[in-house]
């Protein structure tokens, strides 16, 4: 009975077939953005202080490292968690201010916008770290590959912890939690420098590679979780 009623209602209220549908779509077809245009468009929505803060912190890292007779790489490595904190603060901005539902109502899918912004900020930071690696290698006398490991490991670890905290803690408390995590990573780096667990020694090469692999896996895992959680959001 219900099936017959449903069929009768569908027949009674069926929409008429569309007329000149193809012509209408040709006139009002939306222009799709290619990946480069999407990246540049969303980069314009990143707050100015994210770019300025990243450049300023990069300059501070070089200035402090330049004044060190020894431990040049260690000084730079201890400050890279602050660079990751800037990225996490930008990535979690919508959640921190409770603006996910508003962004879901926009034309651009939230997942695509978030991916583009994360890519823009991440590319800038990787470019800065890539530029710092040969400079610090020249100043400190170490190999450029090792210097890159020193810089990337605390950055990726802070980013992974920050993304996890941003999903679990909302509001300004989430930002404070991320700042505390960045400070903790800095403290751990300083502690390892002052103890027998010094990762900057030549003998600790295997530990450095293991730490980098762990940080890379953790950041990739948290990145995928963040994107999946964004896909589950629906505008009500």
Protein backbone atom coordinates (compact mmCIF):
# COMPACT_ATOMS: atom_id res chain seq x y z
CA UNK A 1 0.00 0.00 0.00
CA UNK A 2 2.76 2.43 0.91
CA UNK A 3 4.59 1.64 -2.30
CA UNK A 4 1.48 2.35 -4.37
CA UNK A 5 0.89 5.60 -2.50
CA UNK A 6 4.46 6.67 -3.05
CA UNK A 7 4.21 5.85 -6.76
CA UNK A 8 0.98 7.82 -7.04
CA UNK A 9 2.51 10.85 -5.28
CA UNK A 10 5.57 10.72 -7.52
CA UNK A 11 3.35 10.64 -10.58
CA UNK A 12 1.09 13.46 -9.33
CA UNK A 13 3.92 15.80 -8.36
CA UNK A 14 6.49 14.85 -10.99
CA UNK A 15 8.48 17.78 -12.32
CA UNK A 16 8.08 18.56 -16.02
CA UNK A 17 11.02 17.67 -18.25
CA UNK A 18 13.58 20.49 -18.49
CA UNK A 19 13.52 22.65 -21.60
CA UNK A 20 16.69 24.01 -23.17
CA UNK A 21 18.73 22.61 -20.31
CA UNK A 22 21.94 22.31 -22.31
CA UNK A 23 21.70 25.91 -23.55
CA UNK A 24 21.08 27.18 -20.01
CA UNK A 25 24.09 25.33 -18.63
CA UNK A 26 26.31 26.65 -21.39
CA UNK A 27 25.38 30.22 -20.48
CA UNK A 28 25.75 29.82 -16.72
CA UNK A 29 28.55 27.29 -16.54
CA UNK A 30 30.91 28.01 -13.65
CA UNK A 31 34.57 28.36 -14.42
CA UNK A 32 36.53 25.70 -12.56
CA UNK A 33 39.75 26.68 -10.81
CA UNK A 34 42.91 24.76 -11.54
CA UNK A 35 45.10 23.77 -8.54
CA UNK A 36 47.45 26.73 -8.97
CA UNK A 37 44.58 29.23 -9.09
CA UNK A 38 42.94 27.58 -6.09
CA UNK A 39 46.19 27.79 -4.13
CA UNK A 40 46.72 31.47 -4.96
CA UNK A 41 43.09 32.35 -4.25
CA UNK A 42 43.06 30.70 -0.83
CA UNK A 43 46.49 32.11 0.02
CA UNK A 44 44.85 35.52 -0.11
CA UNK A 45 42.59 34.48 2.79
CA UNK A 46 45.54 33.63 5.03
CA UNK A 47 46.03 36.39 7.56
CA UNK A 48 48.86 38.80 6.92
CA UNK A 49 50.52 38.18 10.26
CA UNK A 50 50.98 34.51 9.33
CA UNK A 51 53.24 35.53 6.44
CA UNK A 52 54.89 38.33 8.40
CA UNK A 53 55.36 36.20 11.51
CA UNK A 54 56.91 33.38 9.51
CA UNK A 55 59.37 35.73 7.81
CA UNK A 56 60.21 37.46 11.10
CA UNK A 57 60.83 34.18 12.90
CA UNK A 58 63.03 33.01 10.04
CA UNK A 59 65.07 36.19 10.39
CA UNK A 60 65.34 35.70 14.17
CA UNK A 61 66.57 32.11 13.65
CA UNK A 62 69.31 33.30 11.32
CA UNK A 63 70.31 36.19 13.57
CA UNK A 64 70.58 34.04 16.68
CA UNK A 65 72.39 31.30 14.81
CA UNK A 66 74.85 33.78 13.32
CA UNK A 67 75.93 34.85 16.82
CA UNK A 68 76.74 31.32 17.95
CA UNK A 69 80.30 30.10 17.77
CA UNK A 70 79.01 26.56 18.31
CA UNK A 71 75.57 25.02 18.42
CA UNK A 72 74.34 27.02 15.44
CA UNK A 73 72.05 24.25 14.21
CA UNK A 74 70.82 23.54 17.73
CA UNK A 75 69.71 27.16 18.16
CA UNK A 76 67.75 27.07 14.90
CA UNK A 77 66.24 23.67 15.66
CA UNK A 78 65.00 24.86 19.05
CA UNK A 79 62.99 27.63 17.38
CA UNK A 80 61.35 25.70 14.54
CA UNK A 81 58.43 24.55 16.79
CA UNK A 82 57.37 28.21 16.94
CA UNK A 83 57.20 28.21 13.14
CA UNK A 84 54.95 25.15 13.27
CA UNK A 85 52.80 26.90 15.89
CA UNK A 86 52.10 29.69 13.38
CA UNK A 87 50.96 27.10 10.83
CA UNK A 88 48.73 25.26 13.31
CA UNK A 89 47.15 28.53 14.44
CA UNK A 90 46.22 29.32 10.84
CA UNK A 91 44.98 25.82 10.05
CA UNK A 92 42.68 25.70 13.07
CA UNK A 93 41.31 29.22 12.73
CA UNK A 94 37.79 28.19 11.62
CA UNK A 95 37.42 25.68 14.44
CA UNK A 96 38.86 28.06 17.03
CA UNK A 97 36.30 30.77 16.22
CA UNK A 98 33.41 28.36 15.56
CA UNK A 99 33.16 29.34 11.88
CA UNK A 100 33.01 25.88 10.26
CA UNK A 101 29.27 26.10 9.53
CA UNK A 102 29.66 29.51 7.87
CA UNK A 103 32.50 28.26 5.68
CA UNK A 104 30.43 25.21 4.73
CA UNK A 105 27.81 27.59 3.29
CA UNK A 106 30.35 29.16 0.92
CA UNK A 107 30.79 28.18 -2.71
CA UNK A 108 34.22 26.73 -2.15
CA UNK A 109 34.14 23.31 -0.42
CA UNK A 110 35.65 23.55 3.05
CA UNK A 111 37.96 20.60 2.40
CA UNK A 112 39.40 22.20 -0.74
CA UNK A 113 39.84 25.56 0.97
CA UNK A 114 41.52 23.99 4.00
CA UNK A 115 43.84 21.92 1.83
CA UNK A 116 44.83 24.97 -0.21
CA UNK A 117 45.55 27.09 2.87
CA UNK A 118 47.51 24.33 4.55
CA UNK A 119 49.50 23.84 1.35
CA UNK A 120 50.22 27.56 1.01
CA UNK A 121 51.51 27.95 4.57
CA UNK A 122 53.33 24.62 4.50
CA UNK A 123 55.09 25.42 1.22
CA UNK A 124 56.26 28.75 2.63
CA UNK A 125 57.66 27.12 5.76
CA UNK A 126 59.36 24.32 3.86
CA UNK A 127 60.87 26.91 1.54
CA UNK A 128 62.18 28.87 4.54
CA UNK A 129 63.60 25.75 6.16
CA UNK A 130 65.08 24.68 2.83
CA UNK A 131 66.75 28.07 2.54
CA UNK A 132 68.00 27.93 6.12
CA UNK A 133 69.54 24.46 5.76
CA UNK A 134 72.48 25.38 3.47
CA UNK A 135 73.12 28.62 5.37
CA UNK A 136 73.27 26.86 8.74
CA UNK A 137 75.32 24.07 7.23
CA UNK A 138 77.87 26.60 6.06
CA UNK A 139 77.98 28.37 9.41
CA UNK A 140 77.97 25.26 11.58
CA UNK A 141 80.16 23.08 9.42
CA UNK A 142 77.68 20.18 9.28
CA UNK A 143 76.21 18.33 6.36
CA UNK A 144 73.17 19.95 4.78
CA UNK A 145 71.14 16.72 4.99
CA UNK A 146 71.74 16.47 8.73
CA UNK A 147 70.83 20.12 9.19
CA UNK A 148 67.58 19.51 7.32
CA UNK A 149 66.75 16.64 9.70
CA UNK A 150 67.44 18.88 12.69
CA UNK A 151 65.05 21.51 11.37
CA UNK A 152 62.26 19.26 10.07
CA UNK A 153 61.91 16.88 13.02
CA UNK A 154 60.73 19.38 15.68
CA UNK A 155 58.62 21.20 13.08
CA UNK A 156 56.73 18.08 12.03
CA UNK A 157 56.35 16.85 15.61
CA UNK A 158 54.87 20.18 16.72
CA UNK A 159 52.54 20.25 13.72
CA UNK A 160 51.27 16.73 14.48
CA UNK A 161 50.61 17.47 18.15
CA UNK A 162 49.06 20.83 17.27
CA UNK A 163 46.60 19.34 14.78
CA UNK A 164 45.51 16.76 17.34
CA UNK A 165 45.00 19.42 20.01
CA UNK A 166 43.15 21.71 17.59
CA UNK A 167 40.56 18.99 16.98
CA UNK A 168 40.11 18.16 20.65
CA UNK A 169 40.19 21.62 22.25
CA UNK A 170 38.11 24.46 20.87
CA UNK A 171 38.41 28.21 21.27
CA UNK A 172 41.40 30.11 22.57
CA UNK A 173 42.15 27.23 24.93
CA UNK A 174 43.09 25.18 21.88
CA UNK A 175 45.61 27.80 20.79
CA UNK A 176 47.08 27.91 24.29
CA UNK A 177 47.35 24.13 24.30
CA UNK A 178 49.19 24.23 20.96
CA UNK A 179 51.53 26.92 22.30
CA UNK A 180 52.25 24.74 25.33
CA UNK A 181 53.00 21.79 23.04
CA UNK A 182 55.41 23.91 20.98
CA UNK A 183 57.16 25.04 24.17
CA UNK A 184 57.41 21.42 25.30
CA UNK A 185 59.04 20.36 22.02
CA UNK A 186 61.51 23.23 22.40
CA UNK A 187 62.26 22.13 25.98
CA UNK A 188 62.81 18.53 24.90
CA UNK A 189 65.25 19.69 22.24
CA UNK A 190 67.18 21.72 24.79
CA UNK A 191 67.15 18.82 27.25
CA UNK A 192 68.53 16.36 24.72
CA UNK A 193 71.28 18.84 23.93
CA UNK A 194 72.36 19.02 27.55
CA UNK A 195 72.23 15.27 28.30
CA UNK A 196 73.70 12.04 27.03
CA UNK A 197 70.76 11.77 24.58
CA UNK A 198 72.22 14.55 22.44
CA UNK A 199 70.80 13.93 18.95
CA UNK A 200 73.25 16.37 17.39
CA UNK A 201 76.25 14.12 17.87
CA UNK A 202 77.60 12.10 14.97
CA UNK A 203 76.97 8.87 16.87
CA UNK A 204 73.22 9.63 17.05
CA UNK A 205 72.57 9.40 13.30
CA UNK A 206 70.23 6.41 13.62
CA UNK A 207 68.24 8.13 16.35
CA UNK A 208 67.90 11.26 14.21
CA UNK A 209 66.51 9.28 11.27
CA UNK A 210 64.13 7.39 13.56
CA UNK A 211 62.90 10.63 15.11
CA UNK A 212 62.33 12.15 11.67
CA UNK A 213 60.42 9.08 10.46
CA UNK A 214 58.26 9.10 13.58
CA UNK A 215 57.50 12.82 13.27
CA UNK A 216 56.72 12.47 9.55
CA UNK A 217 54.37 9.53 10.15
CA UNK A 218 52.61 11.33 13.01
CA UNK A 219 52.09 14.53 11.01
CA UNK A 220 50.79 12.58 7.98
CA UNK A 221 48.40 10.63 10.20
CA UNK A 222 47.06 13.78 11.85
CA UNK A 223 46.74 15.51 8.48
CA UNK A 224 44.60 12.67 7.11
CA UNK A 225 42.46 12.70 10.26
CA UNK A 226 41.92 16.44 9.92
CA UNK A 227 40.82 16.11 6.28
CA UNK A 228 38.50 13.18 7.04
CA UNK A 229 36.89 15.10 9.87
CA UNK A 230 36.34 18.03 7.52
CA UNK A 231 34.64 15.71 4.99
CA UNK A 232 32.24 14.53 7.70
CA UNK A 233 31.03 18.06 8.38
CA UNK A 234 27.69 18.97 6.81
CA UNK A 235 26.04 22.38 6.69
CA UNK A 236 22.76 22.31 8.56
